[in-house]
C-alpha atoms as a PDB file:
ATOM      1  CA  UNK A   1      -5.456 -19.316   5.018  1.00  0.00           C
ATOM      2  CA  UNK A   2      -2.133 -17.515   5.342  1.00  0.00           C
ATOM      3  CA  UNK A   3      -1.262 -15.110   2.547  1.00  0.00           C
ATOM      4  CA  UNK A   4       2.179 -13.517   2.738  1.00  0.00           C
ATOM      5  CA  UNK A   5       4.373 -11.684   0.241  1.00  0.00           C
ATOM      6  CA  UNK A   6       8.001 -12.640   0.743  1.00  0.00           C
ATOM      7  CA  UNK A   7      10.733 -10.434  -0.643  1.00  0.00           C
ATOM      8  CA  UNK A   8      13.914 -12.190   0.450  1.00  0.00           C
ATOM      9  CA  UNK A   9      15.086 -15.795   0.620  1.00  0.00           C
ATOM     10  CA  UNK A  10      15.605 -15.495   4.393  1.00  0.00           C
ATOM     11  CA  UNK A  11      11.880 -14.727   4.738  1.00  0.00           C
ATOM     12  CA  UNK A  12      11.074 -18.025   2.971  1.00  0.00           C
ATOM     13  CA  UNK A  13      13.311 -19.927   5.419  1.00  0.00           C
ATOM     14  CA  UNK A  14      11.642 -18.274   8.402  1.00  0.00           C
ATOM     15  CA  UNK A  15       8.174 -19.044   7.043  1.00  0.00           C
ATOM     16  CA  UNK A  16       9.084 -22.675   6.332  1.00  0.00           C
ATOM     17  CA  UNK A  17      10.277 -23.175   9.903  1.00  0.00           C
ATOM     18  CA  UNK A  18       7.007 -21.717  11.221  1.00  0.00           C
ATOM     19  CA  UNK A  19       4.898 -23.871   8.888  1.00  0.00           C
ATOM     20  CA  UNK A  20       6.756 -27.051   9.834  1.00  0.00           C
ATOM     21  CA  UNK A  21       5.715 -26.561  13.459  1.00  0.00           C
ATOM     22  CA  UNK A  22       2.010 -26.290  12.495  1.00  0.00           C
ATOM     23  CA  UNK A  23      -0.188 -29.335  13.178  1.00  0.00           C
ATOM     24  CA  UNK A  24      -2.254 -29.199   9.995  1.00  0.00           C
ATOM     25  CA  UNK A  25      -1.097 -29.790   6.392  1.00  0.00           C
ATOM     26  CA  UNK A  26       0.210 -26.668   4.684  1.00  0.00           C
ATOM     27  CA  UNK A  27       0.618 -25.592   1.083  1.00  0.00           C
ATOM     28  CA  UNK A  28       3.394 -23.243   0.099  1.00  0.00           C
ATOM     29  CA  UNK A  29       3.544 -21.703  -3.352  1.00  0.00           C
ATOM     30  CA  UNK A  30       6.615 -19.705  -4.329  1.00  0.00           C
ATOM     31  CA  UNK A  31       6.373 -17.326  -7.240  1.00  0.00           C
ATOM     32  CA  UNK A  32       9.101 -15.014  -8.467  1.00  0.00           C
ATOM     33  CA  UNK A  33       7.303 -11.758  -9.119  1.00  0.00           C
ATOM     34  CA  UNK A  34      10.461  -9.830  -9.940  1.00  0.00           C
ATOM     35  CA  UNK A  35       8.688  -6.535  -9.726  1.00  0.00           C
ATOM     36  CA  UNK A  36       5.005  -6.786  -8.942  1.00  0.00           C
ATOM     37  CA  UNK A  37       2.570  -3.911  -9.343  1.00  0.00           C
ATOM     38  CA  UNK A  38      -0.640  -3.821  -7.313  1.00  0.00           C
ATOM     39  CA  UNK A  39      -2.840  -2.131  -9.882  1.00  0.00           C
ATOM     40  CA  UNK A  40      -5.734  -1.889  -7.437  1.00  0.00           C
ATOM     41  CA  UNK A  41      -3.802   0.987  -5.854  1.00  0.00           C
ATOM     42  CA  UNK A  42      -3.712   2.914  -9.151  1.00  0.00           C
ATOM     43  CA  UNK A  43      -6.462   4.824 -10.985  1.00  0.00           C
ATOM     44  CA  UNK A  44      -8.516   2.718 -13.430  1.00  0.00           C
ATOM     45  CA  UNK A  45      -7.053   2.727 -16.921  1.00  0.00           C
ATOM     46  CA  UNK A  46      -3.458   3.160 -15.769  1.00  0.00           C
ATOM     47  CA  UNK A  47      -0.972   1.791 -18.288  1.00  0.00           C
ATOM     48  CA  UNK A  48       2.804   1.426 -18.238  1.00  0.00           C
ATOM     49  CA  UNK A  49       5.620   2.144 -20.663  1.00  0.00           C
ATOM     50  CA  UNK A  50       8.737   0.998 -18.786  1.00  0.00           C
ATOM     51  CA  UNK A  51      10.777  -1.506 -20.784  1.00  0.00           C
ATOM     52  CA  UNK A  52      12.315  -4.575 -19.176  1.00  0.00           C
ATOM     53  CA  UNK A  53      15.805  -4.920 -20.608  1.00  0.00           C
ATOM     54  CA  UNK A  54      16.379  -8.588 -19.776  1.00  0.00           C
ATOM     55  CA  UNK A  55      16.843 -10.514 -23.032  1.00  0.00           C
ATOM     56  CA  UNK A  56      13.983 -12.893 -23.883  1.00  0.00           C
ATOM     57  CA  UNK A  57      11.728 -11.485 -21.150  1.00  0.00           C
ATOM     58  CA  UNK A  58      10.518  -8.415 -23.011  1.00  0.00           C
ATOM     59  CA  UNK A  59       6.944  -8.607 -24.273  1.00  0.00           C
ATOM     60  CA  UNK A  60       6.135  -7.374 -27.807  1.00  0.00           C
ATOM     61  CA  UNK A  61       4.470  -4.233 -26.445  1.00  0.00           C
ATOM     62  CA  UNK A  62       7.725  -3.222 -24.766  1.00  0.00           C
ATOM     63  CA  UNK A  63       9.737  -4.017 -27.905  1.00  0.00           C
ATOM     64  CA  UNK A  64       7.404  -1.762 -29.899  1.00  0.00           C
ATOM     65  CA  UNK A  65       7.294   1.040 -27.310  1.00  0.00           C
ATOM     66  CA  UNK A  66       3.543   0.588 -26.767  1.00  0.00           C
ATOM     67  CA  UNK A  67       1.666   0.885 -23.482  1.00  0.00           C
ATOM     68  CA  UNK A  68       1.085  -2.324 -21.546  1.00  0.00           C
ATOM     69  CA  UNK A  69      -0.779  -3.645 -18.516  1.00  0.00           C
ATOM     70  CA  UNK A  70      -1.295  -7.404 -18.288  1.00  0.00           C
ATOM     71  CA  UNK A  71       0.502  -8.093 -21.584  1.00  0.00           C
ATOM     72  CA  UNK A  72       3.766  -8.719 -19.755  1.00  0.00           C
ATOM     73  CA  UNK A  73       2.045 -11.380 -17.593  1.00  0.00           C
ATOM     74  CA  UNK A  74       0.433 -13.017 -20.614  1.00  0.00           C
ATOM     75  CA  UNK A  75       3.819 -13.003 -22.362  1.00  0.00           C
ATOM     76  CA  UNK A  76       5.122 -14.841 -19.283  1.00  0.00           C
ATOM     77  CA  UNK A  77       2.381 -17.448 -19.696  1.00  0.00           C
ATOM     78  CA  UNK A  78       3.292 -17.881 -23.373  1.00  0.00           C
ATOM     79  CA  UNK A  79       7.003 -18.083 -22.500  1.00  0.00           C
ATOM     80  CA  UNK A  80       6.313 -20.749 -19.857  1.00  0.00           C
ATOM     81  CA  UNK A  81       4.212 -22.763 -22.315  1.00  0.00           C
ATOM     82  CA  UNK A  82       7.024 -22.439 -24.864  1.00  0.00           C
ATOM     83  CA  UNK A  83       9.560 -23.893 -22.429  1.00  0.00           C
ATOM     84  CA  UNK A  84       7.227 -26.837 -21.723  1.00  0.00           C
ATOM     85  CA  UNK A  85       6.601 -27.520 -25.423  1.00  0.00           C
ATOM     86  CA  UNK A  86       9.981 -26.759 -26.974  1.00  0.00           C
ATOM     87  CA  UNK A  87      12.348 -27.230 -24.041  1.00  0.00           C
ATOM     88  CA  UNK A  88      13.898 -23.799 -24.637  1.00  0.00           C
ATOM     89  CA  UNK A  89      13.253 -20.145 -23.860  1.00  0.00           C
ATOM     90  CA  UNK A  90      10.879 -18.276 -26.131  1.00  0.00           C
ATOM     91  CA  UNK A  91      12.636 -16.318 -28.848  1.00  0.00           C
ATOM     92  CA  UNK A  92      10.361 -13.903 -30.655  1.00  0.00           C
ATOM     93  CA  UNK A  93      10.465 -13.200 -34.335  1.00  0.00           C
ATOM     94  CA  UNK A  94       8.454 -10.746 -36.326  1.00  0.00           C
ATOM     95  CA  UNK A  95       7.000 -11.959 -39.579  1.00  0.00           C
ATOM     96  CA  UNK A  96       7.971  -9.947 -42.648  1.00  0.00           C
ATOM     97  CA  UNK A  97       5.855  -6.991 -43.645  1.00  0.00           C
ATOM     98  CA  UNK A  98       5.651  -3.701 -41.871  1.00  0.00           C
ATOM     99  CA  UNK A  99       4.231  -4.278 -38.422  1.00  0.00           C
ATOM    100  CA  UNK A 100       3.826  -8.005 -39.125  1.00  0.00           C
ATOM    101  CA  UNK A 101       2.630 -10.264 -36.308  1.00  0.00           C
ATOM    102  CA  UNK A 102       4.957 -11.704 -33.687  1.00  0.00           C
ATOM    103  CA  UNK A 103       5.508 -15.446 -33.544  1.00  0.00           C
ATOM    104  CA  UNK A 104       7.686 -18.052 -31.875  1.00  0.00           C
ATOM    105  CA  UNK A 105      10.978 -18.811 -33.590  1.00  0.00           C
ATOM    106  CA  UNK A 106      10.425 -22.577 -33.288  1.00  0.00           C
ATOM    107  CA  UNK A 107       8.202 -24.680 -35.504  1.00  0.00           C
ATOM    108  CA  UNK A 108       4.943 -25.936 -34.058  1.00  0.00           C
ATOM    109  CA  UNK A 109       4.886 -29.660 -34.791  1.00  0.00           C
ATOM    110  CA  UNK A 110       2.206 -31.123 -37.044  1.00  0.00           C
ATOM    111  CA  UNK A 111       1.142 -33.627 -34.395  1.00  0.00           C
ATOM    112  CA  UNK A 112       0.517 -30.858 -31.838  1.00  0.00           C
ATOM    113  CA  UNK A 113      -2.957 -29.443 -31.707  1.00  0.00           C
ATOM    114  CA  UNK A 114      -3.571 -26.337 -33.847  1.00  0.00           C
ATOM    115  CA  UNK A 115      -4.676 -24.714 -30.586  1.00  0.00           C
ATOM    116  CA  UNK A 116      -1.010 -24.074 -29.767  1.00  0.00           C
ATOM    117  CA  UNK A 117      -0.451 -21.956 -32.869  1.00  0.00           C
ATOM    118  CA  UNK A 118      -3.573 -19.941 -32.099  1.00  0.00           C
ATOM    119  CA  UNK A 119      -2.494 -19.597 -28.466  1.00  0.00           C
ATOM    120  CA  UNK A 120       0.922 -18.164 -29.327  1.00  0.00           C
ATOM    121  CA  UNK A 121      -0.527 -15.927 -32.023  1.00  0.00           C
ATOM    122  CA  UNK A 122      -3.136 -14.540 -29.606  1.00  0.00           C
ATOM    123  CA  UNK A 123      -0.881 -14.098 -26.578  1.00  0.00           C
ATOM    124  CA  UNK A 124       1.989 -12.537 -28.558  1.00  0.00           C
ATOM    125  CA  UNK A 125      -0.170 -10.147 -30.616  1.00  0.00           C
ATOM    126  CA  UNK A 126      -2.477  -8.411 -28.162  1.00  0.00           C
ATOM    127  CA  UNK A 127      -3.975  -5.374 -29.934  1.00  0.00           C
ATOM    128  CA  UNK A 128      -4.169  -3.026 -26.938  1.00  0.00           C
ATOM    129  CA  UNK A 129      -4.539  -2.746 -23.168  1.00  0.00           C
ATOM    130  CA  UNK A 130      -8.308  -2.732 -23.597  1.00  0.00           C
ATOM    131  CA  UNK A 131      -8.382  -5.834 -25.844  1.00  0.00           C
ATOM    132  CA  UNK A 132      -6.889  -8.609 -23.714  1.00  0.00           C
ATOM    133  CA  UNK A 133      -7.530 -12.290 -24.509  1.00  0.00           C
ATOM    134  CA  UNK A 134     -10.464 -13.970 -22.795  1.00  0.00           C
ATOM    135  CA  UNK A 135      -8.610 -16.166 -20.286  1.00  0.00           C
ATOM    136  CA  UNK A 136     -11.751 -18.120 -19.347  1.00  0.00           C
ATOM    137  CA  UNK A 137     -12.285 -19.073 -22.983  1.00  0.00           C
ATOM    138  CA  UNK A 138      -8.636 -20.154 -23.304  1.00  0.00           C
ATOM    139  CA  UNK A 139      -8.913 -22.217 -20.136  1.00  0.00           C
ATOM    140  CA  UNK A 140     -11.987 -23.975 -21.566  1.00  0.00           C
ATOM    141  CA  UNK A 141     -10.183 -24.633 -24.859  1.00  0.00           C
ATOM    142  CA  UNK A 142      -7.242 -26.257 -23.120  1.00  0.00           C
ATOM    143  CA  UNK A 143      -9.520 -28.289 -20.844  1.00  0.00           C
ATOM    144  CA  UNK A 144     -11.469 -29.463 -23.899  1.00  0.00           C
ATOM    145  CA  UNK A 145      -8.197 -30.348 -25.623  1.00  0.00           C
ATOM    146  CA  UNK A 146      -6.990 -32.336 -22.604  1.00  0.00           C
ATOM    147  CA  UNK A 147     -10.326 -34.142 -22.310  1.00  0.00           C
ATOM    148  CA  UNK A 148     -10.387 -34.980 -26.027  1.00  0.00           C
ATOM    149  CA  UNK A 149      -6.848 -36.418 -25.781  1.00  0.00           C
ATOM    150  CA  UNK A 150      -7.947 -38.542 -22.812  1.00  0.00           C
ATOM    151  CA  UNK A 151     -11.005 -39.701 -24.737  1.00  0.00           C
ATOM    152  CA  UNK A 152      -8.819 -40.561 -27.764  1.00  0.00           C
ATOM    153  CA  UNK A 153      -6.524 -42.662 -25.556  1.00  0.00           C
ATOM    154  CA  UNK A 154      -9.474 -44.410 -23.905  1.00  0.00           C
ATOM    155  CA  UNK A 155     -11.084 -45.204 -27.270  1.00  0.00           C
ATOM    156  CA  UNK A 156      -7.773 -46.488 -28.642  1.00  0.00           C
ATOM    157  CA  UNK A 157      -7.335 -48.749 -25.590  1.00  0.00           C
ATOM    158  CA  UNK A 158     -10.888 -50.005 -26.017  1.00  0.00           C
ATOM    159  CA  UNK A 159     -10.323 -50.775 -29.707  1.00  0.00           C
ATOM    160  CA  UNK A 160      -7.113 -52.668 -28.894  1.00  0.00           C
ATOM    161  CA  UNK A 161      -8.945 -54.643 -26.197  1.00  0.00           C
ATOM    162  CA  UNK A 162     -11.817 -55.503 -28.575  1.00  0.00           C
ATOM    163  CA  UNK A 163      -9.426 -56.705 -31.313  1.00  0.00           C
ATOM    164  CA  UNK A 164      -7.599 -59.076 -28.939  1.00  0.00           C
ATOM    165  CA  UNK A 165      -8.907 -62.683 -28.999  1.00  0.00           C
END
């Protein structure tokens, strides 16, 4: 397996031309890291305080001036999910009350699973760098949700087929 970090668009072009000459199938994944930090090179427990100033890409921890580690990545996951669900960039709002929780500015539809509300609430309100969400548990929840939706569709199709003469 080839694992390469590309920093410029010209590097991607060069790599693509090399891969196209290979005889076996290749997979190329492009990810925009912006600024990536290899935390394995830093002492355990290292946290960050730098604030990203790009509108709509600032996690709640940065907005509040708190330390962060993976919160900015998890905010990116929530922002990506928001785009898929709402068709627009995530706009944060803070619920009234001093230090109220952060939420999405859009309304989560009644016909969507309640899991989405819990997901946004969890990923936008991470208590601290040492209390990150359990990603394995969230993966299982979404897999269970997808499987239950598939089962619902299959049962509905079966009921329709049984009712037909």
